[in-house]
Amino acid sequence: MRSAPGRPGAPMSGRLLVLAGIVLVALNLRIAVAAVSPILDLVRVDVALDDAQAGLLGTVPVGMFALFGSLAPLLARRFAIEPVLVVAMLVSAAGEIARSGASGPWAFLFWSAVALAGMGVGNVLLPPLVKRYFPDRIGLVTAVYSTALAVSTMLPPLLAVPVARAVGWRVSLGVWAVVGVAAALPWIGVMVRSGAARRRARVLVEAAVELRNGETQVPSVPGAPPRQVVPAGSTGAVWRSPLAWGMALMFSMNSLNAYTMFAWLPQILVDAGIDDAGAGRWLAVFSLVGIPTSFVVPLLATRMRNPLAIVVVFEGCLVVGYLGLMLSPASGTAAWTLLAGLGLGSFPLALALMNLRTRSSAGAVRLSGFSQGVGYAVAGVGPVLVGVLHGATGGWTAPFVLLFVSLALLLAGAVVACRPVMLEDTWERRSAASGRVVASVGSTGDPR
């Protein structure tokens, strides 16, 4: 019998619809953020955004990514990943359309939050979809969608101003809703073609048989320890796993550095004597550098038992780039900007590890939701703290010291996250340890 299109066992050609869905979702995940900044002055005039509201607009993305990233695993367990993703993409499109027609500041902020909520759910669900449909191509597919994410960060700023000048800022913002709608369509096709109800019934029957036998065989994944039998029902609270906290620390510190540099790199360069246009061009260079690393890093990670060396190399790039920007930003600007942009290459590694350190798509959902929920909540603090330190000291030394501390924390998290240990195995060890404690207490009688 032929494999159904989209099933993990199907040939690559039979999964093209799923791959198209993954790429389109990735292209949609940064648009609502990236499309606004270049035309914010036009928006502020028309919808009467004051300084405080404009500042709030800058914090909405990380807030929505953190909140709805944390909710995404609950929604996926209740309704399944694919339908939740379809709704999330359509919600993001609806938010973008409504935002483009907003007449007041609070309406603009509200619909921005709606669009970003859908994107926050998509952030978390992409890694487990790769795990589910491409367990044999995790590195390649993660590389493809990480690159699409980088493109979605770079492309809207390039087009926003020309489109706004030609047809107005409302069209410049609203037109991106097309991507959200397009991202939903392949997943609707996947659900229709896969016979989800029949497959769910078959899985339930197989699960019942496995539960009766008392054990579940877990497939191996690239770079994982040898295959092992895990007792049925082996799950746990993700927040109790050291691996999950290592991933969250690694993800949060990487995102903190990225958001801080996107927010403050132009000002750092302007303060060094570079004009506004030049600072904007260097920010574009900073963004562009992430495209090749987004593609290469996941491919390398799948071939390494412990990819910590990748993190060390990128941390070295960030340290040198930050030192240059702190001590001599006007001379060697190209080198410092390129190195700092390269240094954020541990972000696609974190995305790859969400699959490489889990044994199932369910585990990937939980690890992705926890890492990104915590990560974006922490990352949002970075630009604010840097602004406070810059305002208090009048210079950039103290802000860069803060960033150096964050790099030390990133490395500490990566040491834990990169170890060849699976999330489900950390639950199993904890469960076994608890069992030994209970047995010990039972053998000695009343512990009092």
Protein backbone atom coordinates (compact mmCIF):
# COMPACT_ATOMS: atom_id res chain seq x y z
CA MET A 1 0.00 0.00 0.00
CA ARG A 2 1.30 3.45 -0.88
CA SER A 3 2.12 5.88 1.90
CA ALA A 4 -0.35 8.69 2.25
CA PRO A 5 0.97 12.10 1.27
CA GLY A 6 2.45 13.86 4.21
CA ARG A 7 3.08 10.75 6.31
CA PRO A 8 6.57 10.43 7.80
CA GLY A 9 7.11 7.16 5.94
CA ALA A 10 6.29 8.68 2.57
CA PRO A 11 9.02 9.52 0.05
CA MET A 12 10.23 13.11 -0.04
CA SER A 13 8.09 13.82 -3.11
CA GLY A 14 5.00 12.81 -1.15
CA ARG A 15 5.78 15.38 1.53
CA LEU A 16 6.17 18.43 -0.68
CA LEU A 17 2.80 19.81 0.43
CA VAL A 18 3.93 19.62 4.06
CA LEU A 19 7.27 21.21 3.19
CA ALA A 20 5.48 24.04 1.40
CA GLY A 21 3.33 24.55 4.49
CA ILE A 22 6.36 24.69 6.78
CA VAL A 23 8.17 27.21 4.57
CA LEU A 24 5.11 29.46 4.20
CA VAL A 25 4.47 29.43 7.94
CA ALA A 26 8.11 30.37 8.58
CA LEU A 27 7.83 33.23 6.09
CA ASN A 28 4.82 34.53 8.01
CA LEU A 29 6.30 34.49 11.51
CA ARG A 30 8.18 37.81 11.54
CA ILE A 31 6.20 39.91 9.07
CA ALA A 32 3.98 41.66 11.62
CA VAL A 33 7.11 42.89 13.42
CA ALA A 34 9.43 43.65 10.53
CA ALA A 35 6.92 45.50 8.32
CA VAL A 36 6.12 48.25 10.85
CA SER A 37 9.47 49.72 11.89
CA PRO A 38 10.46 51.40 8.58
CA ILE A 39 7.10 53.21 8.28
CA LEU A 40 6.41 53.83 11.96
CA ASP A 41 6.58 57.61 11.53
CA LEU A 42 3.76 57.48 8.97
CA VAL A 43 1.69 55.22 11.21
CA ARG A 44 2.18 57.47 14.24
CA VAL A 45 0.85 60.50 12.39
CA ASP A 46 -2.29 58.80 11.07
CA VAL A 47 -3.33 56.81 14.15
CA ALA A 48 -2.00 59.28 16.75
CA LEU A 49 0.46 56.95 18.48
CA ASP A 50 2.25 58.86 21.24
CA ASP A 51 5.75 58.03 22.49
CA ALA A 52 4.51 55.69 25.22
CA GLN A 53 2.26 53.80 22.83
CA ALA A 54 5.05 53.54 20.27
CA GLY A 55 7.27 52.11 22.99
CA LEU A 56 4.53 49.66 23.95
CA LEU A 57 4.31 48.58 20.32
CA GLY A 58 7.95 47.53 20.56
CA THR A 59 7.24 45.23 23.52
CA VAL A 60 4.10 43.60 22.09
CA PRO A 61 5.96 41.05 19.90
CA VAL A 62 7.97 39.42 22.67
CA GLY A 63 4.97 39.55 25.00
CA MET A 64 2.70 37.77 22.53
CA PHE A 65 5.41 35.30 21.54
CA ALA A 66 5.98 34.43 25.20
CA LEU A 67 2.30 34.18 26.17
CA PHE A 68 0.99 32.28 23.17
CA GLY A 69 4.16 30.27 22.83
CA SER A 70 3.43 28.94 26.31
CA LEU A 71 -0.21 28.22 25.41
CA ALA A 72 0.59 26.48 22.11
CA PRO A 73 1.41 23.05 23.64
CA LEU A 74 -1.90 23.03 25.51
CA LEU A 75 -3.81 23.90 22.34
CA ALA A 76 -1.91 21.29 20.33
CA ARG A 77 -2.68 18.55 22.87
CA ARG A 78 -6.36 19.50 22.89
CA PHE A 79 -6.98 20.02 19.18
CA ALA A 80 -3.89 18.56 17.35
CA ILE A 81 -1.07 20.53 15.79
CA GLU A 82 -2.32 20.99 12.24
CA PRO A 83 -5.74 22.55 12.93
CA VAL A 84 -4.26 24.82 15.60
CA LEU A 85 -1.65 26.00 13.11
CA VAL A 86 -4.30 26.70 10.45
CA VAL A 87 -6.30 28.83 12.88
CA ALA A 88 -3.13 30.60 14.07
CA MET A 89 -2.15 31.58 10.52
CA LEU A 90 -5.65 32.82 9.70
CA VAL A 91 -5.77 34.79 12.96
CA SER A 92 -2.44 36.41 12.09
CA ALA A 93 -3.78 37.36 8.65
CA ALA A 94 -7.00 38.77 10.13
CA GLY A 95 -4.98 40.80 12.64
CA GLU A 96 -2.80 42.27 9.90
CA ILE A 97 -5.81 43.27 7.80
CA ALA A 98 -7.65 44.80 10.76
CA ARG A 99 -4.51 46.61 11.91
CA SER A 100 -4.06 48.21 8.50
CA GLY A 101 -7.53 49.73 8.82
CA ALA A 102 -7.20 50.91 12.44
CA SER A 103 -8.13 54.53 13.04
CA GLY A 104 -6.90 54.92 16.62
CA PRO A 105 -3.80 53.99 18.62
CA TRP A 106 -5.37 51.36 20.85
CA ALA A 107 -7.07 49.62 17.95
CA PHE A 108 -3.72 49.53 16.14
CA LEU A 109 -2.04 48.02 19.21
CA PHE A 110 -4.84 45.49 19.77
CA TRP A 111 -4.83 44.16 16.21
CA SER A 112 -1.04 44.06 16.23
CA ALA A 113 -1.28 41.85 19.31
CA VAL A 114 -3.82 39.60 17.56
CA ALA A 115 -1.56 39.14 14.54
CA LEU A 116 1.43 38.43 16.77
CA ALA A 117 -0.55 35.94 18.88
CA GLY A 118 -1.07 33.77 15.82
CA MET A 119 2.60 34.04 14.96
CA GLY A 120 3.57 33.15 18.53
CA VAL A 121 1.67 29.87 18.22
CA GLY A 122 3.36 29.21 14.88
CA ASN A 123 6.81 29.76 16.41
CA VAL A 124 6.28 26.84 18.78
CA LEU A 125 4.52 24.43 16.43
CA LEU A 126 7.02 24.48 13.56
CA PRO A 127 9.74 22.35 15.25
CA PRO A 128 7.36 19.49 16.18
CA LEU A 129 5.91 19.52 12.66
CA VAL A 130 9.41 18.93 11.33
CA LYS A 131 9.79 16.13 13.85
CA ARG A 132 6.48 14.55 12.84
CA TYR A 133 6.76 14.70 9.07
CA PHE A 134 10.51 14.77 8.44
CA PRO A 135 12.19 12.67 11.16
CA ASP A 136 14.66 11.53 8.48
CA ARG A 137 15.38 15.10 7.28
CA ILE A 138 15.45 17.14 10.48
CA GLY A 139 18.64 19.02 9.63
CA LEU A 140 17.67 19.85 6.05
CA VAL A 141 14.10 20.95 6.77
CA THR A 142 15.15 22.95 9.84
CA ALA A 143 17.77 24.65 7.66
CA VAL A 144 15.13 25.51 5.05
CA TYR A 145 12.63 26.97 7.49
CA SER A 146 15.31 28.79 9.52
CA THR A 147 16.38 30.46 6.29
CA ALA A 148 12.76 31.36 5.55
CA LEU A 149 12.55 32.94 9.01
CA ALA A 150 15.62 35.04 8.25
CA VAL A 151 14.11 36.11 4.92
CA SER A 152 10.86 37.08 6.64
CA THR A 153 12.87 39.37 8.92
CA MET A 154 14.78 40.98 6.05
CA LEU A 155 12.22 41.30 3.23
CA PRO A 156 9.40 43.43 4.73
CA PRO A 157 11.71 46.34 5.72
CA LEU A 158 13.08 46.43 2.18
CA LEU A 159 9.61 46.69 0.62
CA ALA A 160 7.68 48.62 3.27
CA VAL A 161 8.82 52.14 2.37
CA PRO A 162 8.54 51.86 -1.45
CA VAL A 163 5.05 50.33 -1.18
CA ALA A 164 3.97 52.94 1.38
CA ARG A 165 5.16 55.75 -0.89
CA ALA A 166 3.32 54.27 -3.85
CA VAL A 167 -0.04 53.27 -2.34
CA GLY A 168 0.05 54.26 1.35
CA TRP A 169 1.17 52.65 4.60
CA ARG A 170 -2.13 50.84 5.13
CA VAL A 171 -1.64 48.78 1.99
CA SER A 172 2.04 48.34 2.88
CA LEU A 173 1.00 46.65 6.14
CA GLY A 174 -2.18 44.88 5.05
CA VAL A 175 -0.80 43.22 1.94
CA TRP A 176 1.30 40.85 4.07
CA ALA A 177 -1.90 39.11 5.23
CA VAL A 178 -1.70 37.22 1.93
CA VAL A 179 1.25 35.27 3.34
CA GLY A 180 -0.74 34.21 6.41
CA VAL A 181 -3.63 32.95 4.29
CA ALA A 182 -1.21 31.17 1.95
CA ALA A 183 0.48 29.53 4.96
CA ALA A 184 -2.84 28.02 6.09
CA LEU A 185 -3.77 26.48 2.73
CA PRO A 186 -1.22 23.63 2.55
CA TRP A 187 -2.16 22.48 6.04
CA ILE A 188 -5.83 22.40 5.12
CA GLY A 189 -4.80 20.22 2.18
CA VAL A 190 -2.73 17.97 4.44
CA MET A 191 -5.66 17.44 6.81
CA VAL A 192 -8.09 16.71 3.99
CA ARG A 193 -5.78 14.29 2.18
CA SER A 194 -4.46 12.42 5.18
CA GLY A 195 -7.74 11.03 6.48
CA ALA A 196 -7.04 12.35 9.96
CA ALA A 197 -10.00 10.64 11.61
CA ARG A 198 -9.08 7.16 10.33
CA ARG A 199 -5.44 7.58 11.29
CA ARG A 200 -6.38 8.80 14.76
CA ALA A 201 -8.55 5.73 15.30
CA ARG A 202 -5.74 3.44 14.15
CA VAL A 203 -3.25 5.15 16.46
CA LEU A 204 -5.64 4.76 19.39
CA VAL A 205 -5.98 1.03 18.69
CA GLU A 206 -2.21 0.61 18.44
CA ALA A 207 -1.71 2.63 21.63
CA ALA A 208 -4.21 0.44 23.44
CA VAL A 209 -2.29 -2.67 22.39
CA GLU A 210 1.00 -1.12 23.52
CA LEU A 211 -0.49 -0.08 26.84
CA ARG A 212 -1.75 -3.62 27.37
CA ASN A 213 1.77 -4.92 26.76
CA GLY A 214 3.10 -2.34 29.25
CA GLU A 215 5.72 -0.71 27.09
CA THR A 216 6.15 1.58 24.11
CA GLN A 217 9.02 1.37 21.62
CA VAL A 218 10.44 4.82 20.92
CA PRO A 219 12.17 5.39 17.56
CA SER A 220 15.72 6.63 17.49
CA VAL A 221 16.61 10.04 16.09
CA PRO A 222 19.82 11.36 14.54
CA GLY A 223 22.49 12.00 17.14
CA ALA A 224 20.48 10.38 19.94
CA PRO A 225 21.70 7.69 22.34
CA PRO A 226 20.91 4.08 21.37
CA ARG A 227 17.27 3.09 21.03
CA GLN A 228 15.68 2.05 24.29
CA VAL A 229 12.34 0.87 25.61
CA VAL A 230 10.50 3.49 27.65
CA PRO A 231 7.66 2.42 29.94
CA ALA A 232 4.23 3.45 28.71
CA GLY A 233 3.08 6.74 30.13
CA SER A 234 6.63 7.99 30.62
CA THR A 235 6.04 11.72 30.69
CA GLY A 236 6.80 14.49 33.08
CA ALA A 237 6.64 18.17 33.85
CA VAL A 238 8.88 19.81 31.29
CA TRP A 239 9.91 22.52 33.73
CA ARG A 240 11.53 19.86 35.94
CA SER A 241 13.94 18.78 33.19
CA PRO A 242 17.49 20.25 33.29
CA LEU A 243 17.56 19.90 29.50
CA ALA A 244 14.49 22.12 29.17
CA TRP A 245 16.02 24.81 31.38
CA GLY A 246 19.27 24.65 29.43
CA MET A 247 17.33 25.08 26.20
CA ALA A 248 15.30 27.95 27.67
CA LEU A 249 18.46 29.72 28.87
CA MET A 250 20.20 29.26 25.53
CA PHE A 251 17.15 30.44 23.56
CA SER A 252 16.40 33.39 25.82
CA MET A 253 19.94 34.77 25.84
CA ASN A 254 20.28 34.40 22.09
CA SER A 255 16.96 36.19 21.53
CA LEU A 256 17.89 38.86 24.08
CA ASN A 257 21.04 39.66 22.11
CA ALA A 258 19.18 39.65 18.80
CA TYR A 259 16.38 41.96 19.94
CA THR A 260 18.85 44.28 21.66
CA MET A 261 21.02 44.63 18.58
CA PHE A 262 18.06 45.20 16.28
CA ALA A 263 16.83 47.90 18.64
CA TRP A 264 20.11 49.65 19.44
CA LEU A 265 22.74 48.95 16.76
CA PRO A 266 21.71 51.97 14.64
CA GLN A 267 21.93 54.26 17.67
CA ILE A 268 25.34 52.86 18.63
CA LEU A 269 26.62 53.68 15.15
CA VAL A 270 24.95 57.11 15.03
CA ASP A 271 26.57 58.00 18.36
CA ALA A 272 29.90 57.04 16.79
CA GLY A 273 29.42 59.58 14.00
CA ILE A 274 27.82 57.46 11.28
CA ASP A 275 24.80 59.06 9.61
CA ASP A 276 21.28 57.63 9.88
CA ALA A 277 21.27 56.16 6.37
CA GLY A 278 24.61 54.47 6.95
CA ALA A 279 23.47 53.05 10.28
CA GLY A 280 20.37 51.65 8.57
CA ARG A 281 22.48 49.97 5.91
CA TRP A 282 24.69 48.35 8.55
CA LEU A 283 21.58 47.03 10.30
CA ALA A 284 20.52 45.47 6.99
CA VAL A 285 23.97 43.85 6.72
CA PHE A 286 23.60 42.59 10.29
CA SER A 287 20.31 40.93 9.27
CA LEU A 288 21.57 39.50 5.97
CA VAL A 289 24.45 37.65 7.62
CA GLY A 290 21.92 35.46 9.40
CA ILE A 291 20.62 33.90 6.18
CA PRO A 292 23.59 31.63 5.34
CA THR A 293 24.09 30.63 8.97
CA SER A 294 20.39 29.75 9.24
CA PHE A 295 20.86 27.22 6.46
CA VAL A 296 24.25 25.77 7.38
CA VAL A 297 23.99 25.40 11.16
CA PRO A 298 21.10 22.87 11.38
CA LEU A 299 22.83 20.68 8.79
CA LEU A 300 26.01 20.68 10.86
CA ALA A 301 24.14 20.03 14.12
CA THR A 302 22.59 16.79 12.84
CA ARG A 303 26.06 15.43 12.16
CA MET A 304 27.44 16.16 15.62
CA ARG A 305 26.80 14.19 18.78
CA ASN A 306 27.40 17.32 20.86
CA PRO A 307 27.25 20.59 18.85
CA LEU A 308 28.61 22.77 21.67
CA ALA A 309 31.58 23.70 19.46
CA ILE A 310 29.17 25.56 17.16
CA VAL A 311 28.02 27.71 20.07
CA VAL A 312 31.60 28.42 21.15
CA VAL A 313 32.52 29.63 17.64
CA PHE A 314 29.51 31.93 17.44
CA GLU A 315 30.10 33.24 20.95
CA GLY A 316 33.64 34.12 19.92
CA CYS A 317 32.25 36.09 16.97
CA LEU A 318 29.89 37.99 19.27
CA VAL A 319 32.60 38.77 21.81
CA VAL A 320 34.94 40.20 19.16
CA GLY A 321 32.10 42.05 17.42
CA TYR A 322 30.85 43.56 20.68
CA LEU A 323 34.34 44.60 21.74
CA GLY A 324 34.81 46.36 18.42
CA LEU A 325 31.45 48.13 18.63
CA MET A 326 32.18 49.17 22.20
CA LEU A 327 35.77 50.39 21.72
CA SER A 328 35.97 51.52 18.09
CA PRO A 329 32.60 51.42 16.32
CA ALA A 330 33.45 53.98 13.62
CA SER A 331 36.59 52.18 12.43
CA GLY A 332 36.16 48.59 11.40
CA THR A 333 32.38 48.92 11.37
CA ALA A 334 32.03 46.30 8.63
CA ALA A 335 34.02 43.72 10.59
CA TRP A 336 32.23 44.34 13.88
CA THR A 337 28.77 44.25 12.28
CA LEU A 338 29.50 41.08 10.32
CA LEU A 339 30.91 39.31 13.37
CA ALA A 340 27.98 40.33 15.56
CA GLY A 341 25.52 39.15 12.90
CA LEU A 342 27.33 35.83 12.53
CA GLY A 343 27.38 35.43 16.29
CA LEU A 344 23.61 35.00 16.42
CA GLY A 345 23.95 31.72 14.52
CA SER A 346 23.15 29.73 17.64
CA PHE A 347 19.46 30.63 17.09
CA PRO A 348 18.95 28.08 14.27
CA LEU A 349 20.93 25.61 16.39
CA ALA A 350 18.40 26.06 19.20
CA LEU A 351 15.56 25.38 16.75
CA ALA A 352 17.28 22.21 15.56
CA LEU A 353 17.92 21.00 19.12
CA MET A 354 14.20 21.13 19.90
CA ASN A 355 13.91 18.11 17.59
CA LEU A 356 17.32 16.54 18.10
CA ARG A 357 16.79 16.35 21.87
CA THR A 358 13.29 14.83 21.80
CA ARG A 359 12.01 11.41 20.74
CA SER A 360 8.56 12.39 19.48
CA SER A 361 6.62 15.32 18.08
CA ALA A 362 4.74 15.50 21.40
CA GLY A 363 8.04 15.93 23.23
CA ALA A 364 9.14 18.53 20.67
CA VAL A 365 5.92 20.50 21.25
CA ARG A 366 6.53 20.63 24.99
CA LEU A 367 10.23 21.50 24.72
CA SER A 368 9.55 24.12 22.05
CA GLY A 369 6.70 25.69 24.03
CA PHE A 370 8.71 25.87 27.25
CA SER A 371 11.93 27.13 25.64
CA GLN A 372 10.24 29.78 23.55
CA GLY A 373 7.72 30.81 26.20
CA VAL A 374 10.45 31.43 28.75
CA GLY A 375 12.89 32.65 26.11
CA TYR A 376 10.80 35.43 24.64
CA ALA A 377 9.64 36.59 28.07
CA VAL A 378 13.26 37.06 29.14
CA ALA A 379 14.40 38.43 25.77
CA GLY A 380 11.98 41.34 25.97
CA VAL A 381 13.84 42.68 29.00
CA GLY A 382 17.12 43.08 27.11
CA PRO A 383 16.41 46.17 24.99
CA VAL A 384 14.78 47.88 27.96
CA LEU A 385 17.74 47.27 30.29
CA VAL A 386 20.19 48.41 27.64
CA GLY A 387 18.19 51.60 27.18
CA VAL A 388 18.11 52.22 30.93
CA LEU A 389 21.86 51.65 31.29
CA HIS A 390 22.63 53.86 28.30
CA GLY A 391 20.43 56.63 29.68
CA ALA A 392 21.98 56.36 33.14
CA THR A 393 25.62 56.31 32.00
CA GLY A 394 25.47 58.25 28.75
CA GLY A 395 27.65 55.66 27.02
CA TRP A 396 27.67 52.11 25.72
CA THR A 397 30.19 50.41 28.01
CA ALA A 398 27.68 49.38 30.68
CA PRO A 399 25.17 48.03 28.11
CA PHE A 400 27.89 45.92 26.50
CA VAL A 401 28.96 44.59 29.90
CA LEU A 402 25.35 43.42 30.33
CA LEU A 403 25.51 41.70 26.94
CA PHE A 404 28.78 39.99 27.86
CA VAL A 405 27.08 38.61 30.98
CA SER A 406 24.24 37.34 28.81
CA LEU A 407 26.76 35.54 26.60
CA ALA A 408 28.15 33.73 29.64
CA LEU A 409 24.61 32.62 30.51
CA LEU A 410 24.01 31.55 26.90
CA LEU A 411 27.10 29.35 27.02
CA ALA A 412 26.01 27.83 30.34
CA GLY A 413 22.62 26.95 28.87
CA ALA A 414 24.20 25.54 25.72
CA VAL A 415 26.45 23.23 27.75
CA VAL A 416 23.30 21.55 29.09
CA ALA A 417 21.20 21.77 25.93
CA CYS A 418 23.86 20.35 23.61
CA ARG A 419 24.55 17.21 25.64
CA PRO A 420 23.28 14.07 23.83
CA VAL A 421 20.41 13.54 26.27
CA MET A 422 16.77 13.29 25.29
CA LEU A 423 13.96 15.15 27.07
CA GLU A 424 11.96 11.97 27.60
CA ASP A 425 15.00 10.26 29.13
CA THR A 426 15.32 13.00 31.77
CA TRP A 427 11.70 12.31 32.74
CA GLU A 428 12.42 8.60 32.91
CA ARG A 429 15.49 9.00 35.12
CA ARG A 430 13.56 11.29 37.46
CA SER A 431 10.68 8.81 37.57
CA ALA A 432 13.08 5.95 38.32
CA ALA A 433 14.79 7.96 41.07
CA SER A 434 11.41 8.73 42.65
CA GLY A 435 10.58 5.04 42.54
CA ARG A 436 13.80 4.15 44.38
CA VAL A 437 13.01 6.72 47.09
CA VAL A 438 9.51 5.31 47.57
CA ALA A 439 10.88 1.77 47.73
CA SER A 440 13.49 2.81 50.29
CA VAL A 441 10.90 4.46 52.52
CA GLY A 442 8.62 1.46 52.23
CA SER A 443 11.36 -0.96 53.29
CA THR A 444 12.25 0.95 56.46
CA GLY A 445 8.74 1.47 57.72
CA ASP A 446 7.45 4.78 59.01
CA PRO A 447 10.12 7.41 58.26
CA ARG A 448 9.23 9.29 61.39
